[in-house]
């Protein structure tokens, strides 16, 4: 095994090698490129990743996944990065040795109906109150809320048009009469130019950033006295959960959320508090008349 000082010096050396030799110049993915450059991974064996044998890769990954200093997210990016590296260098015999990554089965955080009511009243600005209201009312992702165009808000049909979202699919989402009134007042007062939610008067036509949207929710939660470890996506989780509790089907929720796989939607079945009367024996439905 290499000593700490030797590992550090070798790390600098391998960073240069990774940057100059292992990456293809036409690689269009800068974040992935940065991930490669920061790798001192193979130093566990004193070799570069391209010099390692399959058994050595397996041993190193086992070492990483079992030590306490690395998060599952770090391990995930390590595996994805190595897969990309071996693909670029046509090392298929190494690629197949990398393990699949199991996602943790954690239930998302959701707000109660009372918390939602307090949350929507908390922001001082009309724009911010409407922003949180729209996200909860329609289950938008943060990227979808940020890029929502004024022309995509159909006030007559009460629906939003979401363009080419996460799964590269368009979809329509209905919204409530409360949003109709809110949007109408907001457009008269704030007069956004292009996007529904834009920055201040000096930045008309520029959408709110994801960071600013997160700050709006964080400030609203503080004012509303909500101490949950929630994020903007928690409003989307809450939307899906409340939809199920209101009687929407799981397939309806899948469509509204724009999920490609029903498995991504099924998590909300564990969160929704479905009334007891929704469950019944099928013979009672088959034989409605006891004498039949």
C-alpha atoms as a PDB file:
ATOM      1  CA  UNK A   1       0.000   0.000   0.000  1.00  0.00           C
ATOM      2  CA  UNK A   2       1.175   3.554  -0.711  1.00  0.00           C
ATOM      3  CA  UNK A   3       1.906   6.006   2.101  1.00  0.00           C
ATOM      4  CA  UNK A   4      -0.240   9.147   2.460  1.00  0.00           C
ATOM      5  CA  UNK A   5       2.393  11.535   1.002  1.00  0.00           C
ATOM      6  CA  UNK A   6       3.043   9.207  -1.903  1.00  0.00           C
ATOM      7  CA  UNK A   7      -0.704   8.897  -2.526  1.00  0.00           C
ATOM      8  CA  UNK A   8      -1.048  12.684  -2.593  1.00  0.00           C
ATOM      9  CA  UNK A   9       1.774  13.170  -5.092  1.00  0.00           C
ATOM     10  CA  UNK A  10       0.490  10.321  -7.213  1.00  0.00           C
ATOM     11  CA  UNK A  11      -2.979  11.852  -7.060  1.00  0.00           C
ATOM     12  CA  UNK A  12      -1.667  15.058  -8.663  1.00  0.00           C
ATOM     13  CA  UNK A  13       0.114  13.018 -11.314  1.00  0.00           C
ATOM     14  CA  UNK A  14      -2.964  10.976 -12.163  1.00  0.00           C
ATOM     15  CA  UNK A  15      -5.102  14.106 -12.336  1.00  0.00           C
ATOM     16  CA  UNK A  16      -2.902  15.354 -15.176  1.00  0.00           C
ATOM     17  CA  UNK A  17      -3.010  11.976 -16.871  1.00  0.00           C
ATOM     18  CA  UNK A  18      -6.783  11.801 -16.591  1.00  0.00           C
ATOM     19  CA  UNK A  19      -7.193  15.298 -17.959  1.00  0.00           C
ATOM     20  CA  UNK A  20      -4.769  15.013 -20.862  1.00  0.00           C
ATOM     21  CA  UNK A  21      -4.860  11.374 -21.927  1.00  0.00           C
ATOM     22  CA  UNK A  22      -8.004   9.576 -20.841  1.00  0.00           C
ATOM     23  CA  UNK A  23     -10.617  12.073 -21.923  1.00  0.00           C
ATOM     24  CA  UNK A  24     -11.635  12.432 -25.518  1.00  0.00           C
ATOM     25  CA  UNK A  25     -11.348  16.072 -26.723  1.00  0.00           C
ATOM     26  CA  UNK A  26     -14.848  15.953 -28.187  1.00  0.00           C
ATOM     27  CA  UNK A  27     -16.397  14.761 -24.938  1.00  0.00           C
ATOM     28  CA  UNK A  28     -19.349  17.199 -24.547  1.00  0.00           C
ATOM     29  CA  UNK A  29     -19.953  16.572 -20.846  1.00  0.00           C
ATOM     30  CA  UNK A  30     -17.908  18.989 -18.679  1.00  0.00           C
ATOM     31  CA  UNK A  31     -19.285  17.713 -15.314  1.00  0.00           C
ATOM     32  CA  UNK A  32     -18.271  14.156 -16.204  1.00  0.00           C
ATOM     33  CA  UNK A  33     -14.910  15.494 -17.299  1.00  0.00           C
ATOM     34  CA  UNK A  34     -14.406  17.123 -13.896  1.00  0.00           C
ATOM     35  CA  UNK A  35     -15.394  13.883 -12.170  1.00  0.00           C
ATOM     36  CA  UNK A  36     -12.644  12.053 -14.030  1.00  0.00           C
ATOM     37  CA  UNK A  37     -10.013  14.686 -13.269  1.00  0.00           C
ATOM     38  CA  UNK A  38     -10.610  14.469  -9.520  1.00  0.00           C
ATOM     39  CA  UNK A  39     -10.099  10.724  -9.365  1.00  0.00           C
ATOM     40  CA  UNK A  40      -7.245   9.355  -7.264  1.00  0.00           C
ATOM     41  CA  UNK A  41      -9.267   6.120  -7.230  1.00  0.00           C
ATOM     42  CA  UNK A  42      -6.804   3.586  -8.573  1.00  0.00           C
ATOM     43  CA  UNK A  43      -4.154   4.624  -6.053  1.00  0.00           C
ATOM     44  CA  UNK A  44      -5.578   1.923  -3.813  1.00  0.00           C
ATOM     45  CA  UNK A  45      -3.638  -0.477  -6.020  1.00  0.00           C
ATOM     46  CA  UNK A  46      -0.917   1.917  -7.122  1.00  0.00           C
ATOM     47  CA  UNK A  47      -2.279   1.836 -10.676  1.00  0.00           C
ATOM     48  CA  UNK A  48      -4.411   3.947 -12.951  1.00  0.00           C
ATOM     49  CA  UNK A  49      -7.968   2.677 -13.583  1.00  0.00           C
ATOM     50  CA  UNK A  50      -6.987   1.553 -17.082  1.00  0.00           C
ATOM     51  CA  UNK A  51      -4.134  -0.531 -15.674  1.00  0.00           C
ATOM     52  CA  UNK A  52      -6.228  -2.307 -13.063  1.00  0.00           C
ATOM     53  CA  UNK A  53      -7.358  -5.901 -13.414  1.00  0.00           C
ATOM     54  CA  UNK A  54     -11.041  -6.816 -12.919  1.00  0.00           C
ATOM     55  CA  UNK A  55     -10.304  -8.380  -9.507  1.00  0.00           C
ATOM     56  CA  UNK A  56      -8.499  -5.242  -8.406  1.00  0.00           C
ATOM     57  CA  UNK A  57     -11.457  -3.076  -9.450  1.00  0.00           C
ATOM     58  CA  UNK A  58     -13.840  -5.324  -7.511  1.00  0.00           C
ATOM     59  CA  UNK A  59     -11.623  -5.167  -4.423  1.00  0.00           C
ATOM     60  CA  UNK A  60     -11.342  -1.400  -4.613  1.00  0.00           C
ATOM     61  CA  UNK A  61     -15.089  -0.884  -5.004  1.00  0.00           C
ATOM     62  CA  UNK A  62     -15.681  -3.219  -2.060  1.00  0.00           C
ATOM     63  CA  UNK A  63     -13.200  -1.156  -0.044  1.00  0.00           C
ATOM     64  CA  UNK A  64     -14.935   2.124  -0.959  1.00  0.00           C
ATOM     65  CA  UNK A  65     -18.474   0.966  -0.307  1.00  0.00           C
ATOM     66  CA  UNK A  66     -17.584  -0.436   3.126  1.00  0.00           C
ATOM     67  CA  UNK A  67     -15.709   2.511   4.594  1.00  0.00           C
ATOM     68  CA  UNK A  68     -17.644   5.149   6.506  1.00  0.00           C
ATOM     69  CA  UNK A  69     -16.117   8.255   4.936  1.00  0.00           C
ATOM     70  CA  UNK A  70     -17.833   7.895   1.556  1.00  0.00           C
ATOM     71  CA  UNK A  71     -21.518   8.581   0.917  1.00  0.00           C
ATOM     72  CA  UNK A  72     -23.600   6.466  -1.422  1.00  0.00           C
ATOM     73  CA  UNK A  73     -23.739   9.476  -3.736  1.00  0.00           C
ATOM     74  CA  UNK A  74     -19.933   9.527  -3.969  1.00  0.00           C
ATOM     75  CA  UNK A  75     -19.867   5.809  -4.713  1.00  0.00           C
ATOM     76  CA  UNK A  76     -22.566   6.247  -7.355  1.00  0.00           C
ATOM     77  CA  UNK A  77     -20.597   8.958  -9.174  1.00  0.00           C
ATOM     78  CA  UNK A  78     -17.450   6.857  -8.937  1.00  0.00           C
ATOM     79  CA  UNK A  79     -19.148   3.903 -10.625  1.00  0.00           C
ATOM     80  CA  UNK A  80     -20.833   6.039 -13.285  1.00  0.00           C
ATOM     81  CA  UNK A  81     -17.564   7.819 -13.998  1.00  0.00           C
ATOM     82  CA  UNK A  82     -15.638   4.566 -14.337  1.00  0.00           C
ATOM     83  CA  UNK A  83     -18.262   3.206 -16.689  1.00  0.00           C
ATOM     84  CA  UNK A  84     -17.880   6.306 -18.851  1.00  0.00           C
ATOM     85  CA  UNK A  85     -14.088   6.089 -18.745  1.00  0.00           C
ATOM     86  CA  UNK A  86     -14.015   2.449 -19.820  1.00  0.00           C
ATOM     87  CA  UNK A  87     -16.581   3.099 -22.538  1.00  0.00           C
ATOM     88  CA  UNK A  88     -14.480   5.943 -23.985  1.00  0.00           C
ATOM     89  CA  UNK A  89     -11.423   3.694 -23.997  1.00  0.00           C
ATOM     90  CA  UNK A  90     -13.321   0.653 -25.305  1.00  0.00           C
ATOM     91  CA  UNK A  91     -12.497  -1.451 -22.246  1.00  0.00           C
ATOM     92  CA  UNK A  92     -15.572  -3.659 -22.314  1.00  0.00           C
ATOM     93  CA  UNK A  93     -13.873  -6.383 -20.305  1.00  0.00           C
ATOM     94  CA  UNK A  94     -13.521  -3.907 -17.427  1.00  0.00           C
ATOM     95  CA  UNK A  95     -16.919  -2.277 -17.844  1.00  0.00           C
ATOM     96  CA  UNK A  96     -18.837  -5.462 -17.058  1.00  0.00           C
ATOM     97  CA  UNK A  97     -17.118  -5.889 -13.680  1.00  0.00           C
ATOM     98  CA  UNK A  98     -18.683  -2.753 -12.220  1.00  0.00           C
ATOM     99  CA  UNK A  99     -21.625  -3.400  -9.874  1.00  0.00           C
ATOM    100  CA  UNK A 100     -25.123  -2.021 -10.218  1.00  0.00           C
ATOM    101  CA  UNK A 101     -26.195   0.555  -7.660  1.00  0.00           C
ATOM    102  CA  UNK A 102     -29.253  -0.035  -5.520  1.00  0.00           C
ATOM    103  CA  UNK A 103     -31.183   3.130  -4.680  1.00  0.00           C
ATOM    104  CA  UNK A 104     -32.127   3.520  -1.002  1.00  0.00           C
ATOM    105  CA  UNK A 105     -35.804   2.901  -0.298  1.00  0.00           C
ATOM    106  CA  UNK A 106     -36.508   6.128   1.556  1.00  0.00           C
ATOM    107  CA  UNK A 107     -39.948   7.680   1.681  1.00  0.00           C
ATOM    108  CA  UNK A 108     -40.045  11.350   0.644  1.00  0.00           C
ATOM    109  CA  UNK A 109     -41.033  14.189   2.960  1.00  0.00           C
ATOM    110  CA  UNK A 110     -44.542  15.580   2.446  1.00  0.00           C
ATOM    111  CA  UNK A 111     -46.461  18.502   3.950  1.00  0.00           C
ATOM    112  CA  UNK A 112     -49.816  18.215   5.676  1.00  0.00           C
ATOM    113  CA  UNK A 113     -52.773  20.200   4.373  1.00  0.00           C
ATOM    114  CA  UNK A 114     -52.499  22.621   7.302  1.00  0.00           C
ATOM    115  CA  UNK A 115     -48.799  23.150   6.614  1.00  0.00           C
ATOM    116  CA  UNK A 116     -49.561  23.865   2.958  1.00  0.00           C
ATOM    117  CA  UNK A 117     -52.108  26.512   3.974  1.00  0.00           C
ATOM    118  CA  UNK A 118     -49.560  28.237   6.233  1.00  0.00           C
ATOM    119  CA  UNK A 119     -46.844  27.908   3.623  1.00  0.00           C
ATOM    120  CA  UNK A 120     -48.864  29.580   0.876  1.00  0.00           C
ATOM    121  CA  UNK A 121     -49.645  32.560   3.113  1.00  0.00           C
ATOM    122  CA  UNK A 122     -46.053  33.069   4.280  1.00  0.00           C
ATOM    123  CA  UNK A 123     -44.303  34.939   1.396  1.00  0.00           C
ATOM    124  CA  UNK A 124     -44.708  38.715   1.246  1.00  0.00           C
ATOM    125  CA  UNK A 125     -44.502  38.994  -2.550  1.00  0.00           C
ATOM    126  CA  UNK A 126     -47.475  37.992  -4.693  1.00  0.00           C
ATOM    127  CA  UNK A 127     -45.073  36.354  -7.154  1.00  0.00           C
ATOM    128  CA  UNK A 128     -43.631  34.106  -4.450  1.00  0.00           C
ATOM    129  CA  UNK A 129     -47.025  33.093  -3.074  1.00  0.00           C
ATOM    130  CA  UNK A 130     -48.206  32.261  -6.579  1.00  0.00           C
ATOM    131  CA  UNK A 131     -45.011  30.342  -7.322  1.00  0.00           C
ATOM    132  CA  UNK A 132     -45.451  28.009  -4.348  1.00  0.00           C
ATOM    133  CA  UNK A 133     -49.160  27.724  -5.108  1.00  0.00           C
ATOM    134  CA  UNK A 134     -48.573  26.707  -8.719  1.00  0.00           C
ATOM    135  CA  UNK A 135     -45.945  24.105  -7.800  1.00  0.00           C
ATOM    136  CA  UNK A 136     -48.234  22.532  -5.201  1.00  0.00           C
ATOM    137  CA  UNK A 137     -51.363  22.812  -7.351  1.00  0.00           C
ATOM    138  CA  UNK A 138     -49.767  21.151 -10.389  1.00  0.00           C
ATOM    139  CA  UNK A 139     -46.825  19.113  -9.031  1.00  0.00           C
ATOM    140  CA  UNK A 140     -44.232  20.832 -11.230  1.00  0.00           C
ATOM    141  CA  UNK A 141     -40.540  20.072 -10.947  1.00  0.00           C
ATOM    142  CA  UNK A 142     -38.370  23.056 -10.011  1.00  0.00           C
ATOM    143  CA  UNK A 143     -36.968  23.192 -13.551  1.00  0.00           C
ATOM    144  CA  UNK A 144     -40.481  23.178 -15.011  1.00  0.00           C
ATOM    145  CA  UNK A 145     -41.629  26.012 -12.732  1.00  0.00           C
ATOM    146  CA  UNK A 146     -38.557  28.092 -13.562  1.00  0.00           C
ATOM    147  CA  UNK A 147     -38.969  27.697 -17.341  1.00  0.00           C
ATOM    148  CA  UNK A 148     -42.770  28.017 -17.447  1.00  0.00           C
ATOM    149  CA  UNK A 149     -43.780  30.462 -20.167  1.00  0.00           C
ATOM    150  CA  UNK A 150     -46.749  32.821 -19.877  1.00  0.00           C
ATOM    151  CA  UNK A 151     -48.074  31.514 -23.188  1.00  0.00           C
ATOM    152  CA  UNK A 152     -48.156  27.989 -21.745  1.00  0.00           C
ATOM    153  CA  UNK A 153     -50.726  28.964 -19.093  1.00  0.00           C
ATOM    154  CA  UNK A 154     -54.158  28.363 -20.636  1.00  0.00           C
ATOM    155  CA  UNK A 155     -56.543  30.352 -18.442  1.00  0.00           C
ATOM    156  CA  UNK A 156     -59.674  29.296 -20.324  1.00  0.00           C
ATOM    157  CA  UNK A 157     -59.004  25.558 -20.206  1.00  0.00           C
ATOM    158  CA  UNK A 158     -57.287  25.819 -16.804  1.00  0.00           C
ATOM    159  CA  UNK A 159     -54.220  23.819 -17.738  1.00  0.00           C
ATOM    160  CA  UNK A 160     -50.474  24.227 -18.039  1.00  0.00           C
ATOM    161  CA  UNK A 161     -48.490  23.058 -21.036  1.00  0.00           C
ATOM    162  CA  UNK A 162     -45.181  21.569 -19.885  1.00  0.00           C
ATOM    163  CA  UNK A 163     -42.663  21.451 -22.707  1.00  0.00           C
ATOM    164  CA  UNK A 164     -40.101  18.668 -23.159  1.00  0.00           C
ATOM    165  CA  UNK A 165     -39.636  17.914 -19.499  1.00  0.00           C
ATOM    166  CA  UNK A 166     -37.357  15.377 -17.798  1.00  0.00           C
ATOM    167  CA  UNK A 167     -38.334  12.483 -20.042  1.00  0.00           C
ATOM    168  CA  UNK A 168     -38.407  14.670 -23.185  1.00  0.00           C
ATOM    169  CA  UNK A 169     -42.191  14.552 -23.312  1.00  0.00           C
ATOM    170  CA  UNK A 170     -44.807  17.290 -23.434  1.00  0.00           C
ATOM    171  CA  UNK A 171     -47.788  17.086 -21.101  1.00  0.00           C
ATOM    172  CA  UNK A 172     -50.788  19.078 -19.928  1.00  0.00           C
ATOM    173  CA  UNK A 173     -51.583  19.567 -16.253  1.00  0.00           C
ATOM    174  CA  UNK A 174     -54.892  20.974 -14.993  1.00  0.00           C
ATOM    175  CA  UNK A 175     -54.867  23.708 -12.361  1.00  0.00           C
ATOM    176  CA  UNK A 176     -57.480  25.053  -9.979  1.00  0.00           C
ATOM    177  CA  UNK A 177     -59.678  28.150 -10.120  1.00  0.00           C
ATOM    178  CA  UNK A 178     -57.529  29.613  -7.323  1.00  0.00           C
ATOM    179  CA  UNK A 179     -54.577  29.671  -9.711  1.00  0.00           C
ATOM    180  CA  UNK A 180     -56.719  31.309 -12.394  1.00  0.00           C
ATOM    181  CA  UNK A 181     -57.467  34.217 -10.056  1.00  0.00           C
ATOM    182  CA  UNK A 182     -53.903  34.362  -8.765  1.00  0.00           C
ATOM    183  CA  UNK A 183     -52.307  34.399 -12.198  1.00  0.00           C
ATOM    184  CA  UNK A 184     -54.792  37.024 -13.421  1.00  0.00           C
ATOM    185  CA  UNK A 185     -53.948  39.405 -10.575  1.00  0.00           C
ATOM    186  CA  UNK A 186     -50.244  38.684 -10.838  1.00  0.00           C
ATOM    187  CA  UNK A 187     -50.062  39.426 -14.569  1.00  0.00           C
ATOM    188  CA  UNK A 188     -51.778  42.791 -14.023  1.00  0.00           C
ATOM    189  CA  UNK A 189     -49.528  43.816 -11.134  1.00  0.00           C
ATOM    190  CA  UNK A 190     -46.080  42.392 -11.921  1.00  0.00           C
ATOM    191  CA  UNK A 191     -46.369  42.304 -15.726  1.00  0.00           C
ATOM    192  CA  UNK A 192     -43.778  39.602 -16.476  1.00  0.00           C
ATOM    193  CA  UNK A 193     -42.498  39.703 -20.036  1.00  0.00           C
ATOM    194  CA  UNK A 194     -41.870  36.101 -21.114  1.00  0.00           C
ATOM    195  CA  UNK A 195     -41.704  33.656 -18.236  1.00  0.00           C
ATOM    196  CA  UNK A 196     -44.452  33.394 -15.661  1.00  0.00           C
ATOM    197  CA  UNK A 197     -41.948  33.734 -12.811  1.00  0.00           C
ATOM    198  CA  UNK A 198     -39.229  36.269 -13.549  1.00  0.00           C
ATOM    199  CA  UNK A 199     -36.662  38.168 -11.537  1.00  0.00           C
ATOM    200  CA  UNK A 200     -37.149  41.789 -10.436  1.00  0.00           C
ATOM    201  CA  UNK A 201     -38.090  44.786 -12.576  1.00  0.00           C
ATOM    202  CA  UNK A 202     -34.506  45.267 -13.750  1.00  0.00           C
ATOM    203  CA  UNK A 203     -34.391  41.713 -15.094  1.00  0.00           C
ATOM    204  CA  UNK A 204     -37.609  41.360 -17.055  1.00  0.00           C
ATOM    205  CA  UNK A 205     -37.571  38.338 -19.333  1.00  0.00           C
ATOM    206  CA  UNK A 206     -35.138  36.449 -17.069  1.00  0.00           C
ATOM    207  CA  UNK A 207     -36.647  33.466 -15.230  1.00  0.00           C
ATOM    208  CA  UNK A 208     -36.192  32.865 -11.525  1.00  0.00           C
ATOM    209  CA  UNK A 209     -33.167  30.686 -10.853  1.00  0.00           C
ATOM    210  CA  UNK A 210     -33.461  27.341  -9.095  1.00  0.00           C
ATOM    211  CA  UNK A 211     -31.474  28.786  -6.200  1.00  0.00           C
ATOM    212  CA  UNK A 212     -33.896  31.670  -5.774  1.00  0.00           C
ATOM    213  CA  UNK A 213     -36.894  29.312  -5.846  1.00  0.00           C
ATOM    214  CA  UNK A 214     -35.285  27.197  -3.136  1.00  0.00           C
ATOM    215  CA  UNK A 215     -34.690  30.301  -1.030  1.00  0.00           C
ATOM    216  CA  UNK A 216     -38.334  31.365  -1.427  1.00  0.00           C
ATOM    217  CA  UNK A 217     -39.490  28.011  -0.045  1.00  0.00           C
ATOM    218  CA  UNK A 218     -36.909  28.058   2.750  1.00  0.00           C
ATOM    219  CA  UNK A 219     -37.974  31.540   3.879  1.00  0.00           C
ATOM    220  CA  UNK A 220     -41.654  30.586   3.664  1.00  0.00           C
ATOM    221  CA  UNK A 221     -41.086  27.486   5.786  1.00  0.00           C
ATOM    222  CA  UNK A 222     -39.340  29.595   8.419  1.00  0.00           C
ATOM    223  CA  UNK A 223     -42.207  32.096   8.549  1.00  0.00           C
ATOM    224  CA  UNK A 224     -44.771  29.270   8.616  1.00  0.00           C
ATOM    225  CA  UNK A 225     -42.964  27.515  11.458  1.00  0.00           C
ATOM    226  CA  UNK A 226     -42.342  24.310   9.495  1.00  0.00           C
ATOM    227  CA  UNK A 227     -39.222  22.455  10.623  1.00  0.00           C
ATOM    228  CA  UNK A 228     -39.305  19.486   8.255  1.00  0.00           C
ATOM    229  CA  UNK A 229     -36.267  18.629   6.123  1.00  0.00           C
ATOM    230  CA  UNK A 230     -38.120  19.553   2.966  1.00  0.00           C
ATOM    231  CA  UNK A 231     -37.170  21.017  -0.395  1.00  0.00           C
ATOM    232  CA  UNK A 232     -39.018  22.345  -3.437  1.00  0.00           C
ATOM    233  CA  UNK A 233     -39.463  18.783  -4.697  1.00  0.00           C
ATOM    234  CA  UNK A 234     -41.346  18.055  -1.458  1.00  0.00           C
ATOM    235  CA  UNK A 235     -44.211  20.139  -2.855  1.00  0.00           C
ATOM    236  CA  UNK A 236     -44.321  17.752  -5.821  1.00  0.00           C
ATOM    237  CA  UNK A 237     -44.329  14.762  -3.447  1.00  0.00           C
ATOM    238  CA  UNK A 238     -47.133  16.402  -1.475  1.00  0.00           C
ATOM    239  CA  UNK A 239     -49.113  17.042  -4.660  1.00  0.00           C
ATOM    240  CA  UNK A 240     -48.932  13.371  -5.637  1.00  0.00           C
ATOM    241  CA  UNK A 241     -49.828  12.183  -2.148  1.00  0.00           C
ATOM    242  CA  UNK A 242     -52.786  14.552  -1.805  1.00  0.00           C
ATOM    243  CA  UNK A 243     -53.987  13.574  -5.294  1.00  0.00           C
ATOM    244  CA  UNK A 244     -54.186   9.933  -4.217  1.00  0.00           C
ATOM    245  CA  UNK A 245     -55.907  10.858  -0.984  1.00  0.00           C
ATOM    246  CA  UNK A 246     -58.464  12.860  -2.966  1.00  0.00           C
ATOM    247  CA  UNK A 247     -59.357   9.790  -5.044  1.00  0.00           C
ATOM    248  CA  UNK A 248     -57.029  10.049  -8.047  1.00  0.00           C
ATOM    249  CA  UNK A 249     -55.795   6.730  -9.455  1.00  0.00           C
ATOM    250  CA  UNK A 250     -52.133   5.784  -9.397  1.00  0.00           C
ATOM    251  CA  UNK A 251     -52.087   5.841 -13.202  1.00  0.00           C
ATOM    252  CA  UNK A 252     -53.626   9.297 -13.194  1.00  0.00           C
ATOM    253  CA  UNK A 253     -50.906  10.525 -10.843  1.00  0.00           C
ATOM    254  CA  UNK A 254     -48.257   8.923 -13.075  1.00  0.00           C
ATOM    255  CA  UNK A 255     -49.584  10.889 -16.048  1.00  0.00           C
ATOM    256  CA  UNK A 256     -49.819  14.163 -14.134  1.00  0.00           C
ATOM    257  CA  UNK A 257     -46.265  13.843 -12.811  1.00  0.00           C
ATOM    258  CA  UNK A 258     -44.854  12.874 -16.195  1.00  0.00           C
ATOM    259  CA  UNK A 259     -43.254   9.678 -14.900  1.00  0.00           C
ATOM    260  CA  UNK A 260     -41.927   7.243 -17.476  1.00  0.00           C
ATOM    261  CA  UNK A 261     -42.218   4.259 -15.138  1.00  0.00           C
ATOM    262  CA  UNK A 262     -45.142   3.467 -12.823  1.00  0.00           C
ATOM    263  CA  UNK A 263     -42.622   2.219 -10.240  1.00  0.00           C
ATOM    264  CA  UNK A 264     -41.559   5.813  -9.636  1.00  0.00           C
ATOM    265  CA  UNK A 265     -45.160   6.691  -8.799  1.00  0.00           C
ATOM    266  CA  UNK A 266     -45.912   3.716  -6.564  1.00  0.00           C
ATOM    267  CA  UNK A 267     -43.903   5.190  -3.682  1.00  0.00           C
ATOM    268  CA  UNK A 268     -46.798   7.550  -3.015  1.00  0.00           C
ATOM    269  CA  UNK A 269     -49.044   4.606  -2.195  1.00  0.00           C
ATOM    270  CA  UNK A 270     -46.985   4.250   0.985  1.00  0.00           C
ATOM    271  CA  UNK A 271     -47.595   7.900   1.895  1.00  0.00           C
ATOM    272  CA  UNK A 272     -51.240   8.473   0.996  1.00  0.00           C
ATOM    273  CA  UNK A 273     -53.781   7.982   3.783  1.00  0.00           C
ATOM    274  CA  UNK A 274     -56.518   6.315   1.772  1.00  0.00           C
ATOM    275  CA  UNK A 275     -59.913   6.117   3.567  1.00  0.00           C
ATOM    276  CA  UNK A 276     -60.852   2.699   4.929  1.00  0.00           C
ATOM    277  CA  UNK A 277     -64.038   2.622   2.881  1.00  0.00           C
ATOM    278  CA  UNK A 278     -61.920   2.453  -0.274  1.00  0.00           C
ATOM    279  CA  UNK A 279     -61.087  -1.172   0.588  1.00  0.00           C
ATOM    280  CA  UNK A 280     -63.686  -3.916   0.264  1.00  0.00           C
ATOM    281  CA  UNK A 281     -64.152  -7.583  -0.553  1.00  0.00           C
ATOM    282  CA  UNK A 282     -64.878  -8.222  -4.211  1.00  0.00           C
ATOM    283  CA  UNK A 283     -67.757 -10.638  -3.512  1.00  0.00           C
ATOM    284  CA  UNK A 284     -69.746  -7.698  -2.142  1.00  0.00           C
ATOM    285  CA  UNK A 285     -69.423  -6.047  -5.531  1.00  0.00           C
ATOM    286  CA  UNK A 286     -70.096  -9.256  -7.438  1.00  0.00           C
ATOM    287  CA  UNK A 287     -73.265 -10.060  -5.498  1.00  0.00           C
ATOM    288  CA  UNK A 288     -74.868  -6.681  -4.906  1.00  0.00           C
ATOM    289  CA  UNK A 289     -78.206  -8.341  -4.136  1.00  0.00           C
ATOM    290  CA  UNK A 290     -77.757 -10.881  -1.271  1.00  0.00           C
ATOM    291  CA  UNK A 291     -80.421 -13.171  -2.777  1.00  0.00           C
ATOM    292  CA  UNK A 292     -78.723 -13.391  -6.189  1.00  0.00           C
END
